[in-house]
Every structure is written in structure tokens, then in C-alpha cells.
Amino acid sequence: MDLAHAMEAPNPRRWLWILAGLTAFTGLVAGYTATAAGTDPALLSLVLDVLLSYAMFSWYCRDSEAVGFERKRWMSIAILVLSIVAVPFYLVRSRPSGEKGRAVLRYVGFMALMLAVSVGSAIVGAIVAG
């Protein structure tokens, strides 16, 4: 495989790392602003939510390319609007028979990890804010 082909190859894991980083940043900002200002700035929350949705959708696009799943418009909208339900549904539809359950369990584990990252970073943000 040459470098040009490697650069074009879909890499869904990269977007999971980006999603984890954005989750940590969002938690940090939420903890800091809730402690320092007593409230979360609405515009900042909106921007961070849009970035998180973009990261989730980008993961979906790269993952569907990697597994050869044809994206449907309704699934794309569902991933953007209600990803907590749409992603497991997508995983069940896109994976071969023996891998469906494992894919959903990995998603549940990833969501639990993101919850821990969000809470942990919010605590750090609150501590930093004083």
C-alpha cells in the first residue's frame, strides 16, 4: 500500500479519539464555568454540542466506508439527532452475524468510558475554578 492510498483509507478510530478529546474538553469547560460563573455559557455549549455531533457523524461516515455499509439518509439524520440509539442500530445492521453483539458491547463500553471522561474532566474543571 502506498502513502496516497493509506491517506485515503477510512480510519474510524481516529474520530473516536477526537470524540474522546472533545468530550473531555466539554466536561472541563462545563465544570469550570459552572463553578466559576455559576452557569454554562449557552453559545459555548451549542458550539461544543455541534462539534461532538460532527465528530460522531464523521466516525459513522468513516466506519461505514471501512465496513462497506451503504449509508442511508435516514440513518445519517438519526446519527446526528439521536446517536445514543442510532449507533447501536447501525452497528447491528452493518456488522456480520458473529460480530453484532460484540460491536454493541464495545459501543456500550465506549459510552461508559465517555461518561467517566466527562464526569472526571468536569471535576477537574471545578477544582481548577476553585
N, C-alpha and C. Protein backbone atom coordinates (compact mmCIF):
# COMPACT_ATOMS: atom_id res chain seq x y z
N MET A 1 0.85 -1.17 0.00
CA MET A 1 0.00 0.00 0.00
C MET A 1 0.90 1.24 0.00
N ASP A 2 0.64 2.15 -0.94
CA ASP A 2 1.44 3.36 -1.00
C ASP A 2 0.86 4.43 -0.06
N LEU A 3 1.60 5.50 0.10
CA LEU A 3 1.22 6.55 1.04
C LEU A 3 -0.09 7.22 0.65
N ALA A 4 -0.28 7.47 -0.63
CA ALA A 4 -1.51 8.13 -1.08
C ALA A 4 -2.73 7.29 -0.74
N HIS A 5 -2.63 5.97 -0.94
CA HIS A 5 -3.75 5.09 -0.63
C HIS A 5 -3.99 5.02 0.88
N ALA A 6 -2.92 5.02 1.65
CA ALA A 6 -3.05 4.98 3.11
C ALA A 6 -3.73 6.24 3.63
N MET A 7 -3.46 7.38 3.02
CA MET A 7 -4.07 8.64 3.44
C MET A 7 -5.57 8.65 3.13
N GLU A 8 -5.98 7.96 2.07
CA GLU A 8 -7.38 7.93 1.68
C GLU A 8 -8.18 6.87 2.43
N ALA A 9 -7.50 5.90 3.02
CA ALA A 9 -8.19 4.82 3.71
C ALA A 9 -8.97 5.37 4.90
N PRO A 10 -10.22 4.94 5.06
CA PRO A 10 -11.01 5.43 6.18
C PRO A 10 -10.42 4.95 7.51
N ASN A 11 -10.38 5.83 8.48
CA ASN A 11 -9.85 5.48 9.79
C ASN A 11 -10.85 5.92 10.86
N PRO A 12 -11.84 5.06 11.16
CA PRO A 12 -12.86 5.47 12.13
C PRO A 12 -12.30 5.64 13.54
N ARG A 13 -11.25 4.93 13.90
CA ARG A 13 -10.69 5.05 15.25
C ARG A 13 -10.16 6.45 15.52
N ARG A 14 -9.63 7.11 14.53
CA ARG A 14 -9.15 8.48 14.70
C ARG A 14 -10.28 9.38 15.21
N TRP A 15 -11.47 9.18 14.66
CA TRP A 15 -12.61 10.00 15.07
C TRP A 15 -13.09 9.65 16.48
N LEU A 16 -12.87 8.42 16.91
CA LEU A 16 -13.20 8.07 18.29
C LEU A 16 -12.29 8.80 19.26
N TRP A 17 -11.01 8.94 18.90
CA TRP A 17 -10.07 9.71 19.74
C TRP A 17 -10.44 11.19 19.77
N ILE A 18 -10.85 11.71 18.61
CA ILE A 18 -11.29 13.10 18.56
C ILE A 18 -12.54 13.28 19.42
N LEU A 19 -13.45 12.34 19.34
CA LEU A 19 -14.66 12.39 20.15
C LEU A 19 -14.32 12.34 21.64
N ALA A 20 -13.39 11.51 22.03
CA ALA A 20 -12.96 11.44 23.43
C ALA A 20 -12.33 12.76 23.89
N GLY A 21 -11.50 13.35 23.04
CA GLY A 21 -10.89 14.63 23.39
C GLY A 21 -11.91 15.75 23.52
N LEU A 22 -12.88 15.78 22.61
CA LEU A 22 -13.94 16.79 22.70
C LEU A 22 -14.81 16.57 23.94
N THR A 23 -15.05 15.32 24.29
CA THR A 23 -15.83 15.01 25.48
C THR A 23 -15.10 15.50 26.72
N ALA A 24 -13.80 15.26 26.79
CA ALA A 24 -13.00 15.73 27.93
C ALA A 24 -13.01 17.25 28.00
N PHE A 25 -12.83 17.90 26.86
CA PHE A 25 -12.83 19.37 26.84
C PHE A 25 -14.19 19.92 27.25
N THR A 26 -15.26 19.31 26.76
CA THR A 26 -16.60 19.76 27.11
C THR A 26 -16.85 19.62 28.61
N GLY A 27 -16.44 18.50 29.19
CA GLY A 27 -16.59 18.32 30.63
C GLY A 27 -15.77 19.32 31.42
N LEU A 28 -14.55 19.56 30.97
CA LEU A 28 -13.68 20.53 31.64
C LEU A 28 -14.30 21.92 31.63
N VAL A 29 -14.77 22.33 30.48
CA VAL A 29 -15.40 23.66 30.35
C VAL A 29 -16.67 23.73 31.19
N ALA A 30 -17.48 22.68 31.17
CA ALA A 30 -18.72 22.69 31.94
C ALA A 30 -18.43 22.78 33.44
N GLY A 31 -17.48 22.01 33.90
CA GLY A 31 -17.12 22.06 35.32
C GLY A 31 -16.55 23.41 35.73
N TYR A 32 -15.71 23.95 34.88
CA TYR A 32 -15.09 25.25 35.18
C TYR A 32 -16.13 26.37 35.20
N THR A 33 -16.94 26.44 34.16
CA THR A 33 -17.90 27.54 34.06
C THR A 33 -19.01 27.42 35.11
N ALA A 34 -19.41 26.20 35.43
CA ALA A 34 -20.45 26.01 36.45
C ALA A 34 -19.96 26.47 37.81
N THR A 35 -18.67 26.26 38.08
CA THR A 35 -18.11 26.66 39.37
C THR A 35 -17.74 28.14 39.38
N ALA A 36 -17.09 28.61 38.34
CA ALA A 36 -16.61 30.00 38.31
C ALA A 36 -17.73 31.00 38.07
N ALA A 37 -18.62 30.69 37.13
CA ALA A 37 -19.66 31.65 36.76
C ALA A 37 -21.04 31.25 37.27
N GLY A 38 -21.17 30.02 37.72
CA GLY A 38 -22.46 29.55 38.21
C GLY A 38 -23.40 29.09 37.12
N THR A 39 -22.97 29.20 35.87
CA THR A 39 -23.79 28.77 34.75
C THR A 39 -22.90 28.37 33.58
N ASP A 40 -23.48 27.65 32.66
CA ASP A 40 -22.76 27.23 31.46
C ASP A 40 -23.13 28.17 30.32
N PRO A 41 -22.17 28.83 29.66
CA PRO A 41 -22.50 29.74 28.56
C PRO A 41 -23.22 29.00 27.42
N ALA A 42 -24.38 29.48 27.06
CA ALA A 42 -25.21 28.80 26.07
C ALA A 42 -24.54 28.68 24.71
N LEU A 43 -23.92 29.75 24.25
CA LEU A 43 -23.28 29.71 22.94
C LEU A 43 -22.13 28.71 22.91
N LEU A 44 -21.33 28.69 23.94
CA LEU A 44 -20.22 27.74 24.02
C LEU A 44 -20.75 26.30 24.06
N SER A 45 -21.80 26.07 24.81
CA SER A 45 -22.41 24.73 24.86
C SER A 45 -22.92 24.31 23.49
N LEU A 46 -23.53 25.24 22.78
CA LEU A 46 -24.04 24.95 21.45
C LEU A 46 -22.90 24.58 20.51
N VAL A 47 -21.83 25.35 20.53
CA VAL A 47 -20.67 25.08 19.65
C VAL A 47 -20.07 23.71 19.98
N LEU A 48 -19.90 23.42 21.26
CA LEU A 48 -19.34 22.12 21.64
C LEU A 48 -20.26 20.97 21.26
N ASP A 49 -21.56 21.15 21.40
CA ASP A 49 -22.51 20.11 21.00
C ASP A 49 -22.45 19.86 19.50
N VAL A 50 -22.34 20.92 18.71
CA VAL A 50 -22.23 20.77 17.27
C VAL A 50 -20.93 20.03 16.91
N LEU A 51 -19.83 20.38 17.58
CA LEU A 51 -18.57 19.68 17.33
C LEU A 51 -18.65 18.21 17.70
N LEU A 52 -19.30 17.89 18.81
CA LEU A 52 -19.47 16.49 19.20
C LEU A 52 -20.32 15.73 18.18
N SER A 53 -21.38 16.36 17.70
CA SER A 53 -22.23 15.72 16.67
C SER A 53 -21.45 15.51 15.38
N TYR A 54 -20.65 16.50 15.01
CA TYR A 54 -19.82 16.38 13.81
C TYR A 54 -18.82 15.23 13.95
N ALA A 55 -18.21 15.11 15.11
CA ALA A 55 -17.25 14.03 15.34
C ALA A 55 -17.93 12.66 15.26
N MET A 56 -19.11 12.55 15.85
CA MET A 56 -19.86 11.29 15.81
C MET A 56 -20.26 10.95 14.37
N PHE A 57 -20.73 11.95 13.64
CA PHE A 57 -21.12 11.72 12.25
C PHE A 57 -19.91 11.36 11.39
N SER A 58 -18.78 11.99 11.64
CA SER A 58 -17.56 11.69 10.89
C SER A 58 -17.11 10.26 11.17
N TRP A 59 -17.23 9.82 12.43
CA TRP A 59 -16.92 8.43 12.75
C TRP A 59 -17.82 7.50 11.95
N TYR A 60 -19.11 7.80 11.94
CA TYR A 60 -20.09 6.98 11.22
C TYR A 60 -19.73 6.90 9.73
N CYS A 61 -19.38 8.03 9.13
CA CYS A 61 -19.01 8.03 7.71
C CYS A 61 -17.78 7.16 7.45
N ARG A 62 -16.74 7.33 8.27
CA ARG A 62 -15.51 6.56 8.07
C ARG A 62 -15.73 5.08 8.36
N ASP A 63 -16.51 4.79 9.41
CA ASP A 63 -16.76 3.39 9.74
C ASP A 63 -17.58 2.70 8.66
N SER A 64 -18.59 3.38 8.15
CA SER A 64 -19.42 2.76 7.11
C SER A 64 -18.61 2.52 5.84
N GLU A 65 -17.67 3.42 5.54
CA GLU A 65 -16.77 3.19 4.40
C GLU A 65 -15.87 1.98 4.66
N ALA A 66 -15.36 1.87 5.88
CA ALA A 66 -14.43 0.79 6.22
C ALA A 66 -15.11 -0.58 6.15
N VAL A 67 -16.39 -0.67 6.53
CA VAL A 67 -17.08 -1.97 6.53
C VAL A 67 -17.92 -2.18 5.27
N GLY A 68 -17.94 -1.19 4.38
CA GLY A 68 -18.69 -1.33 3.13
C GLY A 68 -20.20 -1.23 3.30
N PHE A 69 -20.65 -0.43 4.25
CA PHE A 69 -22.07 -0.25 4.51
C PHE A 69 -22.57 0.96 3.75
N GLU A 70 -23.64 0.78 2.98
CA GLU A 70 -24.20 1.90 2.23
C GLU A 70 -25.01 2.80 3.17
N ARG A 71 -24.57 4.05 3.29
CA ARG A 71 -25.25 4.99 4.19
C ARG A 71 -26.59 5.42 3.59
N LYS A 72 -27.58 5.41 4.44
CA LYS A 72 -28.91 5.89 4.05
C LYS A 72 -29.14 7.27 4.68
N ARG A 73 -29.94 8.07 4.03
CA ARG A 73 -30.20 9.42 4.53
C ARG A 73 -30.83 9.39 5.92
N TRP A 74 -31.79 8.50 6.13
CA TRP A 74 -32.47 8.44 7.43
C TRP A 74 -31.50 8.04 8.54
N MET A 75 -30.55 7.15 8.22
CA MET A 75 -29.57 6.73 9.23
C MET A 75 -28.61 7.88 9.54
N SER A 76 -28.22 8.62 8.53
CA SER A 76 -27.35 9.78 8.74
C SER A 76 -28.01 10.80 9.65
N ILE A 77 -29.28 11.05 9.41
CA ILE A 77 -30.02 12.00 10.25
C ILE A 77 -30.14 11.46 11.67
N ALA A 78 -30.41 10.18 11.80
CA ALA A 78 -30.55 9.58 13.13
C ALA A 78 -29.23 9.65 13.90
N ILE A 79 -28.10 9.44 13.22
CA ILE A 79 -26.80 9.53 13.88
C ILE A 79 -26.58 10.94 14.41
N LEU A 80 -26.98 11.94 13.66
CA LEU A 80 -26.82 13.33 14.10
C LEU A 80 -27.77 13.70 15.23
N VAL A 81 -29.00 13.23 15.17
CA VAL A 81 -30.03 13.68 16.09
C VAL A 81 -30.11 12.82 17.36
N LEU A 82 -29.99 11.53 17.22
CA LEU A 82 -30.19 10.63 18.36
C LEU A 82 -29.17 9.49 18.32
N SER A 83 -27.91 9.86 18.40
CA SER A 83 -26.85 8.88 18.21
C SER A 83 -26.83 7.78 19.26
N ILE A 84 -27.28 8.05 20.47
CA ILE A 84 -27.24 7.04 21.53
C ILE A 84 -28.08 5.81 21.15
N VAL A 85 -29.12 5.99 20.34
CA VAL A 85 -29.95 4.89 19.87
C VAL A 85 -29.54 4.45 18.47
N ALA A 86 -29.19 5.41 17.63
CA ALA A 86 -28.91 5.13 16.22
C ALA A 86 -27.61 4.34 16.03
N VAL A 87 -26.59 4.62 16.85
CA VAL A 87 -25.32 3.92 16.66
C VAL A 87 -25.45 2.42 16.91
N PRO A 88 -26.08 1.97 18.02
CA PRO A 88 -26.24 0.51 18.17
C PRO A 88 -27.04 -0.11 17.03
N PHE A 89 -28.07 0.60 16.56
CA PHE A 89 -28.85 0.11 15.43
C PHE A 89 -27.96 -0.02 14.19
N TYR A 90 -27.16 1.00 13.94
CA TYR A 90 -26.22 0.95 12.81
C TYR A 90 -25.25 -0.21 12.96
N LEU A 91 -24.71 -0.40 14.16
CA LEU A 91 -23.74 -1.48 14.38
C LEU A 91 -24.36 -2.85 14.11
N VAL A 92 -25.59 -3.05 14.52
CA VAL A 92 -26.27 -4.32 14.28
C VAL A 92 -26.52 -4.51 12.78
N ARG A 93 -26.87 -3.44 12.09
CA ARG A 93 -27.14 -3.55 10.64
C ARG A 93 -25.88 -3.70 9.81
N SER A 94 -24.76 -3.17 10.28
CA SER A 94 -23.57 -3.10 9.44
C SER A 94 -22.56 -4.23 9.68
N ARG A 95 -22.71 -4.97 10.77
CA ARG A 95 -21.73 -5.99 11.12
C ARG A 95 -22.20 -7.38 10.71
N PRO A 96 -21.25 -8.28 10.40
CA PRO A 96 -21.62 -9.66 10.08
C PRO A 96 -22.22 -10.37 11.30
N SER A 97 -22.86 -11.48 11.07
CA SER A 97 -23.60 -12.21 12.11
C SER A 97 -22.83 -12.41 13.40
N GLY A 98 -21.63 -12.88 13.37
CA GLY A 98 -20.90 -13.18 14.58
C GLY A 98 -20.34 -11.98 15.33
N GLU A 99 -20.42 -10.79 14.74
CA GLU A 99 -19.80 -9.62 15.34
C GLU A 99 -20.79 -8.57 15.86
N LYS A 100 -22.07 -8.78 15.66
CA LYS A 100 -23.08 -7.78 16.04
C LYS A 100 -23.08 -7.52 17.55
N GLY A 101 -23.18 -8.56 18.34
CA GLY A 101 -23.24 -8.40 19.79
C GLY A 101 -21.98 -7.78 20.36
N ARG A 102 -20.84 -8.23 19.86
CA ARG A 102 -19.56 -7.68 20.33
C ARG A 102 -19.44 -6.20 19.98
N ALA A 103 -19.91 -5.81 18.79
CA ALA A 103 -19.84 -4.41 18.38
C ALA A 103 -20.71 -3.54 19.30
N VAL A 104 -21.90 -4.02 19.64
CA VAL A 104 -22.79 -3.25 20.52
C VAL A 104 -22.19 -3.17 21.92
N LEU A 105 -21.62 -4.26 22.42
CA LEU A 105 -20.98 -4.23 23.74
C LEU A 105 -19.79 -3.27 23.77
N ARG A 106 -19.03 -3.24 22.70
CA ARG A 106 -17.92 -2.29 22.63
C ARG A 106 -18.43 -0.86 22.63
N TYR A 107 -19.55 -0.61 21.97
CA TYR A 107 -20.16 0.72 21.97
C TYR A 107 -20.62 1.10 23.39
N VAL A 108 -21.26 0.17 24.08
CA VAL A 108 -21.70 0.44 25.45
C VAL A 108 -20.49 0.75 26.33
N GLY A 109 -19.41 -0.02 26.17
CA GLY A 109 -18.19 0.25 26.92
C GLY A 109 -17.61 1.61 26.59
N PHE A 110 -17.62 1.97 25.31
CA PHE A 110 -17.10 3.28 24.90
C PHE A 110 -17.95 4.40 25.50
N MET A 111 -19.26 4.24 25.51
CA MET A 111 -20.13 5.27 26.09
C MET A 111 -19.90 5.38 27.60
N ALA A 112 -19.69 4.27 28.27
CA ALA A 112 -19.38 4.31 29.70
C ALA A 112 -18.06 5.03 29.93
N LEU A 113 -17.09 4.77 29.09
CA LEU A 113 -15.80 5.46 29.18
C LEU A 113 -15.98 6.96 28.95
N MET A 114 -16.79 7.35 27.97
CA MET A 114 -17.02 8.77 27.70
C MET A 114 -17.74 9.44 28.86
N LEU A 115 -18.64 8.72 29.51
CA LEU A 115 -19.30 9.27 30.70
C LEU A 115 -18.28 9.51 31.80
N ALA A 116 -17.40 8.55 32.01
CA ALA A 116 -16.36 8.71 33.03
C ALA A 116 -15.42 9.86 32.68
N VAL A 117 -15.06 9.99 31.43
CA VAL A 117 -14.18 11.08 30.99
C VAL A 117 -14.87 12.42 31.21
N SER A 118 -16.15 12.49 30.87
CA SER A 118 -16.89 13.74 31.03
C SER A 118 -17.00 14.14 32.50
N VAL A 119 -17.37 13.20 33.35
CA VAL A 119 -17.50 13.49 34.78
C VAL A 119 -16.15 13.83 35.38
N GLY A 120 -15.13 13.04 35.03
CA GLY A 120 -13.79 13.31 35.57
C GLY A 120 -13.26 14.66 35.16
N SER A 121 -13.43 15.01 33.90
CA SER A 121 -12.93 16.31 33.45
C SER A 121 -13.76 17.46 34.02
N ALA A 122 -15.05 17.23 34.27
CA ALA A 122 -15.86 18.27 34.91
C ALA A 122 -15.40 18.50 36.35
N ILE A 123 -15.03 17.44 37.03
CA ILE A 123 -14.50 17.58 38.40
C ILE A 123 -13.19 18.36 38.37
N VAL A 124 -12.32 18.03 37.42
CA VAL A 124 -11.06 18.78 37.29
C VAL A 124 -11.34 20.24 37.00
N GLY A 125 -12.28 20.52 36.10
CA GLY A 125 -12.64 21.90 35.78
C GLY A 125 -13.16 22.65 37.00
N ALA A 126 -13.96 21.98 37.81
CA ALA A 126 -14.49 22.61 39.03
C ALA A 126 -13.37 22.88 40.03
N ILE A 127 -12.43 21.97 40.13
CA ILE A 127 -11.30 22.15 41.05
C ILE A 127 -10.43 23.33 40.59
N VAL A 128 -10.18 23.40 39.31
CA VAL A 128 -9.36 24.50 38.76
C VAL A 128 -10.04 25.84 38.99
N ALA A 129 -11.38 25.85 38.83
CA ALA A 129 -12.12 27.11 39.01
C ALA A 129 -12.11 27.56 40.47
N GLY A 130 -11.88 26.64 41.35
CA GLY A 130 -11.70 26.99 42.75
C GLY A 130 -12.90 26.80 43.57
